[in-house]
Amino acid sequence: MDKQRTIKGKILFEGIGLHSGQKSKIEILPAPINSGIIFIRQDLGSQLIKADFYSIGSAEKFPRRTSISANGIYIHTIEHLMAAFNLLRVDNAQINIWGEEVPGLDGSAKEFVQKIKETGLEEQDAPINFLVVKEPIWVEEAQTSIVALPYDGLRMSYALKYDHPLIGTGYVDILLDGNIKENVFEARTFCLEDEVKSLLDIGLGKGANYENTLVVSKSGVVKNKLRFPDEFVKHKILDLIGDLYLAGPLKAHIIAVKSGHSLNIKLLEKLRRYKEKTVGAGVGSHTSFVPTTNQLSSEEIMKLLPHRYPFLLVDRIIDMEKFKRAVGIKNVTMNEHFFQGHFPGRPVMPGVLIIEAMAQVGGVLMLSSEENKGKLAYFMAANNAKFRRTVVPGDQLVIEVVAGKIRSKTGIVCAKAFVDEKLAAEAELMFALVD
């Protein structure tokens, strides 16, 4: 059984963002099992952003890079760091960041990989939660395409074709198993000399120079040289490796033809829908699962609750003290199904669904003990419900539930939902516990 891994110690990086040109610093720390890759904007009040399907920024709004966001706060150009995590199979890590962009360093993942290897990896006592692709999933756009095919492992293939004599065509095929056998992590970002002015005009590439970016003119690489003949295609697959780690650990064969960040993100959107469909399909209404940690992923929540997409309203549990307290998170996005009909011109999350989200966190709290293993928690009543502010797309609901009276067949909890540390809703909820 493949076990989750984290890093053994703290790692620091400082540098300039490739696009913003601003100084930034990151601190990579070990993280508990099932944490995933968590970024925290320490310069903006410790805003937490998990690097996953639900935090991906728009490729149209933020071109030529991969961004994540929560509550209107962004972190840009995460792809090379994410690629290092994927290549080395780092499942859990906390990244404290000061600044809006990950340091660009030399334009590749080389320094990230080297320092993570020097620090070492530590196996954790939990299996990896793979997203297993069991049917073809594909996206295409003009002359570019990506397909994900069933495969017992993670294999990535990339075909490049540029209408430029130096870049030309290329092909890379690699197997990702945590042991790096290829030099893709050393491949630097590149652009055509003709693109430089237009990129600067739209505010990109302010931190780029001839050392961290391969600028390709009609006669060759400007003021630099290639590290290896196929560096161009290897950088493109490096970006793909980093982007797709937003889906978490995958089992699939990814075949990409001339793809970039925009198409990579479209595949991630399809993988998200596939995950929501397949994880929800054929799952029993309750199981004998008993949590062993104080944090739960959405998959673990679904082992306790019968709810499935689109009615599972808790993305994860970030803290829990059995029979006492639980804190859950719901990221509210414009893609929520209820926004199609609930004030579509000015979307507002329905109050009843905020109550339901609070009830689901309460259900997790009561069903997480050995005594209630395999039971169902039926939501019976809501008392003293009050709504303090509207909840809109882009908000992150932080739901805190504190246990009141919990008996063998009933339970009462006090629930509060916050947005930006401000109270949005509260209620006293009652449940019936049944076998």
Protein backbone atom coordinates (compact mmCIF):
# COMPACT_ATOMS: atom_id res chain seq x y z
CA MET A 1 0.00 0.00 0.00
CA ASP A 2 1.36 3.44 -0.99
CA LYS A 3 1.66 5.66 2.06
CA GLN A 4 1.38 9.46 2.17
CA ARG A 5 4.55 11.50 2.57
CA THR A 6 5.57 14.91 3.85
CA ILE A 7 8.92 16.68 4.16
CA LYS A 8 11.15 16.13 7.19
CA GLY A 9 11.94 19.76 8.00
CA LYS A 10 11.57 23.43 7.15
CA ILE A 11 12.77 24.77 3.78
CA LEU A 12 13.14 28.46 2.86
CA PHE A 13 13.20 30.18 -0.53
CA GLU A 14 13.43 33.87 -1.37
CA GLY A 15 13.41 35.55 -4.74
CA ILE A 16 11.57 37.59 -7.34
CA GLY A 17 8.25 36.60 -8.92
CA LEU A 18 8.67 35.91 -12.65
CA HIS A 19 5.59 37.95 -13.58
CA SER A 20 5.06 40.43 -10.73
CA GLY A 21 8.73 41.35 -10.35
CA GLN A 22 8.06 41.62 -6.62
CA LYS A 23 10.15 40.11 -3.85
CA SER A 24 8.59 37.11 -2.13
CA LYS A 25 9.49 34.44 0.37
CA ILE A 26 8.13 30.95 1.02
CA GLU A 27 8.62 28.60 3.92
CA ILE A 28 7.74 24.95 3.33
CA LEU A 29 6.82 22.93 6.42
CA PRO A 30 5.71 19.34 7.13
CA ALA A 31 1.94 18.84 7.31
CA PRO A 32 -0.32 16.15 8.84
CA ILE A 33 -1.90 13.33 6.83
CA ASN A 34 -4.73 14.26 4.46
CA SER A 35 -3.75 17.95 4.53
CA GLY A 36 -2.77 18.13 0.89
CA ILE A 37 -0.81 21.15 -0.28
CA ILE A 38 -1.84 24.19 1.77
CA PHE A 39 -0.65 27.75 1.09
CA ILE A 40 -0.97 30.46 3.75
CA ARG A 41 -0.60 34.15 2.84
CA GLN A 42 1.23 35.24 5.96
CA ASP A 43 1.46 38.83 4.72
CA LEU A 44 -2.35 39.06 4.58
CA GLY A 45 -3.56 37.79 7.93
CA SER A 46 -2.78 34.08 7.51
CA GLN A 47 -5.28 33.53 4.67
CA LEU A 48 -5.36 29.78 3.92
CA ILE A 49 -5.67 28.59 0.31
CA LYS A 50 -5.63 24.88 -0.46
CA ALA A 51 -4.12 24.00 -3.84
CA ASP A 52 -6.91 21.89 -5.31
CA PHE A 53 -9.74 21.81 -7.86
CA TYR A 54 -11.74 24.44 -6.05
CA SER A 55 -9.13 27.17 -5.73
CA ILE A 56 -7.92 27.35 -9.34
CA GLY A 57 -7.78 30.88 -10.75
CA SER A 58 -9.09 31.77 -14.19
CA ALA A 59 -6.61 31.16 -17.02
CA GLU A 60 -8.20 34.03 -18.96
CA LYS A 61 -7.76 36.46 -16.08
CA PHE A 62 -4.27 35.21 -15.18
CA PRO A 63 -2.60 33.97 -18.39
CA ARG A 64 0.79 32.26 -18.77
CA ARG A 65 0.81 30.91 -15.17
CA THR A 66 -1.24 28.93 -12.67
CA SER A 67 -2.95 30.76 -9.82
CA ILE A 68 -5.06 29.77 -6.83
CA SER A 69 -7.39 31.95 -4.78
CA ALA A 70 -9.77 32.20 -1.82
CA ASN A 71 -11.82 35.16 -0.65
CA GLY A 72 -10.37 37.40 -3.34
CA ILE A 73 -6.76 36.69 -2.30
CA TYR A 74 -4.45 35.12 -4.89
CA ILE A 75 -1.18 33.24 -5.12
CA HIS A 76 0.38 33.13 -8.57
CA THR A 77 2.82 30.95 -10.52
CA ILE A 78 2.65 27.90 -8.29
CA GLU A 79 3.22 25.38 -11.10
CA HIS A 80 6.98 24.77 -10.69
CA LEU A 81 6.70 24.21 -6.94
CA MET A 82 3.67 21.95 -7.47
CA ALA A 83 5.65 20.03 -10.09
CA ALA A 84 8.42 19.41 -7.55
CA PHE A 85 5.84 18.04 -5.09
CA ASN A 86 4.35 15.79 -7.79
CA LEU A 87 7.73 14.55 -9.05
CA LEU A 88 8.93 13.72 -5.52
CA ARG A 89 5.47 12.56 -4.40
CA VAL A 90 5.01 14.96 -1.52
CA ASP A 91 1.38 14.50 -0.45
CA ASN A 92 1.18 16.94 2.46
CA ALA A 93 2.93 20.28 2.93
CA GLN A 94 2.24 23.72 4.35
CA ILE A 95 3.65 26.65 2.41
CA ASN A 96 3.81 29.95 4.26
CA ILE A 97 4.17 32.70 1.68
CA TRP A 98 4.93 36.40 1.98
CA GLY A 99 3.93 37.98 -1.32
CA GLU A 100 1.51 37.25 -4.14
CA GLU A 101 3.77 35.04 -6.27
CA VAL A 102 6.01 32.04 -5.65
CA PRO A 103 9.69 33.00 -6.20
CA GLY A 104 10.70 32.30 -9.80
CA LEU A 105 14.29 31.27 -8.94
CA ASP A 106 15.92 29.96 -12.14
CA GLY A 107 12.62 29.51 -14.03
CA SER A 108 12.44 25.76 -13.39
CA ALA A 109 11.77 23.40 -10.48
CA LYS A 110 15.47 22.62 -10.01
CA GLU A 111 16.07 24.39 -6.69
CA PHE A 112 12.74 23.19 -5.25
CA VAL A 113 13.58 19.58 -6.07
CA GLN A 114 17.16 19.80 -4.81
CA LYS A 115 16.27 21.32 -1.42
CA ILE A 116 13.34 18.94 -0.84
CA LYS A 117 15.63 15.98 -1.56
CA GLU A 118 18.30 17.39 0.75
CA THR A 119 15.76 17.87 3.56
CA GLY A 120 14.30 14.40 3.04
CA LEU A 121 10.83 12.88 2.99
CA GLU A 122 8.94 11.16 5.77
CA GLU A 123 6.37 8.40 5.26
CA GLN A 124 3.08 8.91 7.09
CA ASP A 125 0.70 6.34 8.52
CA ALA A 126 -2.12 6.75 5.98
CA PRO A 127 -2.73 5.49 2.44
CA ILE A 128 -2.61 7.85 -0.53
CA ASN A 129 -6.05 8.95 -1.73
CA PHE A 130 -5.61 8.47 -5.47
CA LEU A 131 -8.02 9.82 -8.05
CA VAL A 132 -8.23 6.76 -10.31
CA VAL A 133 -9.23 7.46 -13.91
CA LYS A 134 -11.33 4.54 -15.18
CA GLU A 135 -12.60 6.00 -18.45
CA PRO A 136 -11.19 8.37 -21.08
CA ILE A 137 -11.45 12.06 -20.16
CA TRP A 138 -10.35 14.65 -22.69
CA VAL A 139 -10.31 18.32 -23.62
CA GLU A 140 -9.35 20.01 -26.86
CA GLU A 141 -8.97 23.50 -28.19
CA ALA A 142 -8.00 24.38 -31.75
CA GLN A 143 -4.94 22.20 -32.46
CA THR A 144 -4.21 21.35 -28.82
CA SER A 145 -5.58 18.48 -26.74
CA ILE A 146 -5.13 16.44 -23.56
CA VAL A 147 -6.58 13.03 -22.74
CA ALA A 148 -6.48 11.10 -19.47
CA LEU A 149 -6.65 7.33 -19.91
CA PRO A 150 -6.89 4.48 -17.38
CA TYR A 151 -3.45 3.43 -16.14
CA ASP A 152 -2.14 1.71 -13.01
CA GLY A 153 0.23 4.50 -12.01
CA LEU A 154 0.94 8.00 -13.32
CA ARG A 155 2.43 8.34 -16.78
CA MET A 156 2.67 11.56 -18.74
CA SER A 157 3.37 12.00 -22.44
CA TYR A 158 3.76 15.36 -24.17
CA ALA A 159 4.12 16.26 -27.85
CA LEU A 160 5.34 19.76 -28.73
CA LYS A 161 5.18 21.53 -32.09
CA TYR A 162 6.23 25.17 -32.49
CA ASP A 163 6.39 27.12 -35.70
CA HIS A 164 9.95 28.11 -34.90
CA PRO A 165 13.11 26.47 -36.27
CA LEU A 166 14.89 26.28 -32.93
CA ILE A 167 11.97 24.97 -30.86
CA GLY A 168 10.41 22.80 -33.56
CA THR A 169 8.96 19.50 -32.38
CA GLY A 170 9.63 17.34 -29.35
CA TYR A 171 8.23 14.43 -27.36
CA VAL A 172 8.66 13.32 -23.74
CA ASP A 173 7.20 10.26 -22.02
CA ILE A 174 7.82 9.77 -18.29
CA LEU A 175 6.59 7.63 -15.42
CA LEU A 176 6.08 9.45 -12.12
CA ASP A 177 6.68 7.16 -9.16
CA GLY A 178 8.45 9.45 -6.69
CA ASN A 179 11.89 8.60 -8.06
CA ILE A 180 13.09 11.17 -10.59
CA LYS A 181 14.69 9.53 -13.61
CA GLU A 182 14.38 12.45 -16.03
CA ASN A 183 15.84 15.98 -15.93
CA VAL A 184 12.48 17.67 -16.57
CA PHE A 185 12.74 19.54 -13.24
CA GLU A 186 15.73 21.49 -14.65
CA ALA A 187 13.87 22.73 -17.75
CA ARG A 188 13.37 26.50 -17.67
CA THR A 189 10.45 28.59 -18.85
CA PHE A 190 10.73 30.16 -22.30
CA CYS A 191 9.13 32.69 -24.60
CA LEU A 192 9.69 34.05 -28.09
CA GLU A 193 11.57 37.32 -28.43
CA ASP A 194 8.59 38.69 -30.38
CA GLU A 195 6.36 38.10 -27.32
CA VAL A 196 8.44 40.04 -24.78
CA LYS A 197 6.98 43.52 -25.40
CA SER A 198 3.36 42.33 -25.50
CA LEU A 199 3.82 40.40 -22.24
CA LEU A 200 5.32 43.42 -20.51
CA ASP A 201 2.50 45.59 -21.86
CA ILE A 202 -0.08 43.42 -20.02
CA GLY A 203 1.94 43.40 -16.81
CA LEU A 204 3.65 40.00 -17.18
CA GLY A 205 7.31 39.01 -17.12
CA LYS A 206 8.41 41.91 -14.90
CA GLY A 207 10.75 39.58 -12.99
CA ALA A 208 12.03 37.72 -16.04
CA ASN A 209 15.58 38.02 -17.28
CA TYR A 210 17.86 36.12 -19.62
CA GLU A 211 18.96 33.82 -16.78
CA ASN A 212 15.55 32.60 -15.57
CA THR A 213 13.76 32.71 -18.93
CA LEU A 214 14.92 31.34 -22.25
CA VAL A 215 14.19 34.12 -24.76
CA VAL A 216 14.19 32.64 -28.24
CA SER A 217 15.05 34.83 -31.21
CA LYS A 218 15.14 33.86 -34.87
CA SER A 219 18.84 33.11 -34.55
CA GLY A 220 18.89 31.28 -31.18
CA VAL A 221 18.57 31.64 -27.40
CA VAL A 222 19.42 35.22 -26.37
CA LYS A 223 22.35 35.60 -23.92
CA ASN A 224 22.00 32.01 -22.70
CA LYS A 225 22.15 28.42 -23.87
CA LEU A 226 20.07 25.29 -23.48
CA ARG A 227 20.79 22.92 -20.60
CA PHE A 228 19.86 20.01 -22.89
CA PRO A 229 18.52 19.77 -26.46
CA ASP A 230 14.92 18.98 -25.46
CA GLU A 231 14.61 21.65 -22.74
CA PHE A 232 11.62 23.31 -24.43
CA VAL A 233 9.38 20.25 -24.48
CA LYS A 234 10.55 19.24 -21.01
CA HIS A 235 9.50 22.58 -19.60
CA LYS A 236 6.04 22.16 -21.13
CA ILE A 237 5.62 18.77 -19.47
CA LEU A 238 6.98 20.24 -16.22
CA ASP A 239 4.14 22.79 -16.27
CA LEU A 240 1.65 19.99 -16.97
CA ILE A 241 3.01 17.94 -14.05
CA GLY A 242 2.61 20.91 -11.73
CA ASP A 243 -0.83 21.94 -12.95
CA LEU A 244 -2.33 18.46 -12.70
CA TYR A 245 -1.17 18.08 -9.10
CA LEU A 246 -4.08 20.37 -8.27
CA ALA A 247 -6.13 17.19 -8.78
CA GLY A 248 -4.06 15.49 -6.09
CA PRO A 249 -2.40 12.09 -6.61
CA LEU A 250 -3.57 10.62 -9.92
CA LYS A 251 -3.61 7.19 -11.49
CA ALA A 252 -3.83 7.85 -15.21
CA HIS A 253 -1.91 8.09 -18.46
CA ILE A 254 -1.96 11.74 -19.51
CA ILE A 255 -1.29 12.40 -23.19
CA ALA A 256 -0.97 16.07 -24.13
CA VAL A 257 -0.47 17.66 -27.54
CA LYS A 258 0.74 21.28 -27.50
CA SER A 259 -1.15 22.08 -24.31
CA GLY A 260 -0.50 25.02 -21.99
CA HIS A 261 -1.88 26.30 -18.70
CA SER A 262 -5.29 27.20 -20.15
CA LEU A 263 -6.01 23.71 -21.48
CA ASN A 264 -4.42 22.05 -18.43
CA ILE A 265 -6.93 23.92 -16.24
CA LYS A 266 -9.81 22.81 -18.46
CA LEU A 267 -8.75 19.19 -17.93
CA LEU A 268 -8.65 19.84 -14.17
CA GLU A 269 -12.25 21.06 -14.35
CA LYS A 270 -13.27 17.84 -16.09
CA LEU A 271 -11.34 15.74 -13.59
CA ARG A 272 -13.15 17.56 -10.77
CA ARG A 273 -16.55 16.72 -12.26
CA TYR A 274 -15.43 13.13 -12.83
CA LYS A 275 -14.30 12.83 -9.22
CA GLU A 276 -17.54 14.25 -7.87
CA LYS A 277 -19.53 11.85 -10.04
CA THR A 278 -17.55 8.69 -9.35
CA VAL A 279 -16.90 9.21 -5.65
CA GLY A 280 -20.60 9.75 -5.11
CA ALA A 281 -21.74 6.79 -7.20
CA GLY A 282 -22.65 3.54 -5.48
CA VAL A 283 -21.63 4.63 -1.97
CA GLY A 284 -23.72 3.34 0.89
CA SER A 285 -25.58 5.77 3.12
CA HIS A 286 -23.38 5.02 6.12
CA THR A 287 -20.25 3.00 6.94
CA SER A 288 -18.24 1.79 9.92
CA PHE A 289 -15.57 4.44 9.32
CA VAL A 290 -14.22 6.08 12.50
CA PRO A 291 -11.79 9.02 12.01
CA THR A 292 -8.37 8.70 13.62
CA THR A 293 -7.24 12.32 13.07
CA ASN A 294 -8.67 15.78 13.73
CA GLN A 295 -8.81 16.66 10.02
CA LEU A 296 -10.97 15.08 7.33
CA SER A 297 -10.90 15.32 3.54
CA SER A 298 -14.11 15.43 1.49
CA GLU A 299 -13.70 11.71 0.76
CA GLU A 300 -13.55 10.93 4.48
CA ILE A 301 -16.55 13.16 5.17
CA MET A 302 -18.49 11.08 2.65
CA LYS A 303 -17.66 7.95 4.65
CA LEU A 304 -19.58 9.48 7.56
CA LEU A 305 -22.40 11.31 5.76
CA PRO A 306 -24.75 10.05 3.02
CA HIS A 307 -24.57 13.39 1.17
CA ARG A 308 -23.05 13.57 -2.31
CA TYR A 309 -22.46 16.24 -4.95
CA PRO A 310 -24.18 18.64 -5.41
CA PHE A 311 -25.55 18.43 -1.87
CA LEU A 312 -22.35 17.82 0.05
CA LEU A 313 -21.77 21.31 1.44
CA VAL A 314 -18.57 20.76 3.42
CA ASP A 315 -15.24 20.67 1.58
CA ARG A 316 -13.18 19.53 4.56
CA ILE A 317 -12.94 19.42 8.34
CA ILE A 318 -9.88 21.36 9.49
CA ASP A 319 -10.13 20.69 13.21
CA MET A 320 -12.14 18.36 15.42
CA GLU A 321 -12.31 17.35 19.05
CA LYS A 322 -14.62 14.35 19.31
CA PHE A 323 -17.94 15.01 21.05
CA LYS A 324 -16.81 18.58 21.75
CA ARG A 325 -16.13 20.72 18.69
CA ALA A 326 -15.62 20.62 14.92
CA VAL A 327 -14.58 23.26 12.37
CA GLY A 328 -15.42 22.80 8.69
CA ILE A 329 -14.89 24.80 5.51
CA LYS A 330 -17.20 25.43 2.57
CA ASN A 331 -15.70 27.31 -0.39
CA VAL A 332 -18.51 29.13 -2.19
CA THR A 333 -17.85 29.40 -5.94
CA MET A 334 -19.80 30.86 -8.86
CA ASN A 335 -20.17 27.30 -10.18
CA GLU A 336 -22.56 26.30 -7.36
CA HIS A 337 -25.72 24.83 -8.86
CA PHE A 338 -28.05 26.92 -6.68
CA PHE A 339 -26.77 30.23 -8.10
CA GLN A 340 -28.46 29.40 -11.41
CA GLY A 341 -31.87 30.12 -9.89
CA HIS A 342 -31.33 31.95 -6.60
CA PHE A 343 -30.97 35.68 -7.35
CA PRO A 344 -29.04 34.85 -10.58
CA GLY A 345 -28.48 38.54 -11.31
CA ARG A 346 -26.99 39.07 -7.87
CA PRO A 347 -26.05 35.62 -6.52
CA VAL A 348 -26.53 35.00 -2.80
CA MET A 349 -26.18 31.63 -1.06
CA PRO A 350 -29.60 30.53 0.24
CA GLY A 351 -29.88 30.74 4.01
CA VAL A 352 -31.35 27.26 4.24
CA LEU A 353 -28.21 25.87 2.61
CA ILE A 354 -26.00 27.69 5.11
CA ILE A 355 -28.04 25.97 7.83
CA GLU A 356 -27.62 22.67 5.98
CA ALA A 357 -23.84 23.18 5.76
CA MET A 358 -23.74 23.82 9.52
CA ALA A 359 -25.86 20.70 10.07
CA GLN A 360 -23.44 18.60 8.01
CA VAL A 361 -20.50 19.72 10.17
CA GLY A 362 -22.63 18.87 13.21
CA GLY A 363 -23.38 15.45 11.74
CA VAL A 364 -19.68 14.78 11.24
CA LEU A 365 -19.01 15.74 14.86
CA MET A 366 -21.60 13.30 16.21
CA LEU A 367 -20.80 10.41 13.86
CA SER A 368 -17.02 10.55 14.36
CA SER A 369 -17.02 8.51 17.58
CA GLU A 370 -16.79 4.75 18.12
CA GLU A 371 -20.13 4.84 19.95
CA ASN A 372 -21.98 6.13 16.88
CA LYS A 373 -20.08 4.07 14.29
CA GLY A 374 -22.34 3.15 11.37
CA LYS A 375 -25.27 5.32 12.47
CA LEU A 376 -27.11 8.06 10.60
CA ALA A 377 -27.66 11.56 11.98
CA TYR A 378 -31.02 12.94 10.86
CA PHE A 379 -31.37 16.71 11.08
CA MET A 380 -34.58 17.31 13.05
CA ALA A 381 -34.83 20.99 14.00
CA ALA A 382 -33.16 24.39 13.88
CA ASN A 383 -33.81 26.83 16.71
CA ASN A 384 -32.84 30.47 17.07
CA ALA A 385 -31.54 30.64 13.49
CA LYS A 386 -30.21 34.07 12.58
CA PHE A 387 -28.54 35.38 9.41
CA ARG A 388 -26.10 38.23 9.94
CA ARG A 389 -24.73 38.86 6.43
CA THR A 390 -25.06 37.58 2.88
CA VAL A 391 -22.74 34.90 1.53
CA VAL A 392 -21.68 35.36 -2.11
CA PRO A 393 -19.40 33.68 -4.68
CA GLY A 394 -15.77 33.87 -3.60
CA ASP A 395 -16.57 33.65 0.10
CA GLN A 396 -15.21 30.89 2.31
CA LEU A 397 -17.58 29.75 5.05
CA VAL A 398 -15.77 28.67 8.20
CA ILE A 399 -18.28 26.69 10.24
CA GLU A 400 -17.73 26.07 13.94
CA VAL A 401 -19.95 23.57 15.74
CA VAL A 402 -19.86 23.06 19.51
CA ALA A 403 -21.57 20.06 21.10
CA GLY A 404 -24.39 20.62 23.56
CA LYS A 405 -26.36 17.67 24.91
CA ILE A 406 -25.50 14.44 23.07
CA ARG A 407 -27.25 11.27 24.14
CA SER A 408 -27.51 7.80 22.60
CA LYS A 409 -30.42 8.74 20.32
CA THR A 410 -30.36 12.55 20.08
CA GLY A 411 -27.89 15.36 19.90
CA ILE A 412 -27.92 19.17 20.07
CA VAL A 413 -25.15 21.41 18.76
CA CYS A 414 -24.57 25.16 18.59
CA ALA A 415 -23.36 26.19 15.14
CA LYS A 416 -21.88 29.41 13.76
CA ALA A 417 -20.74 30.25 10.24
CA PHE A 418 -18.16 32.96 9.59
CA VAL A 419 -16.88 34.79 6.51
CA ASP A 420 -13.65 36.73 6.94
CA GLU A 421 -13.96 36.14 10.70
CA LYS A 422 -17.34 37.93 10.71
CA LEU A 423 -20.45 36.06 11.81
CA ALA A 424 -22.69 35.19 8.85
CA ALA A 425 -25.22 32.83 10.47
CA GLU A 426 -25.89 30.91 13.66
CA ALA A 427 -28.37 28.35 14.92
CA GLU A 428 -29.00 25.63 17.48
CA LEU A 429 -29.44 22.30 15.66
CA MET A 430 -31.02 19.04 16.83
CA PHE A 431 -30.35 15.58 15.42
CA ALA A 432 -31.75 12.09 15.79
CA LEU A 433 -29.16 9.28 15.82
CA VAL A 434 -30.48 6.06 14.25
CA ASP A 435 -29.00 2.71 13.30
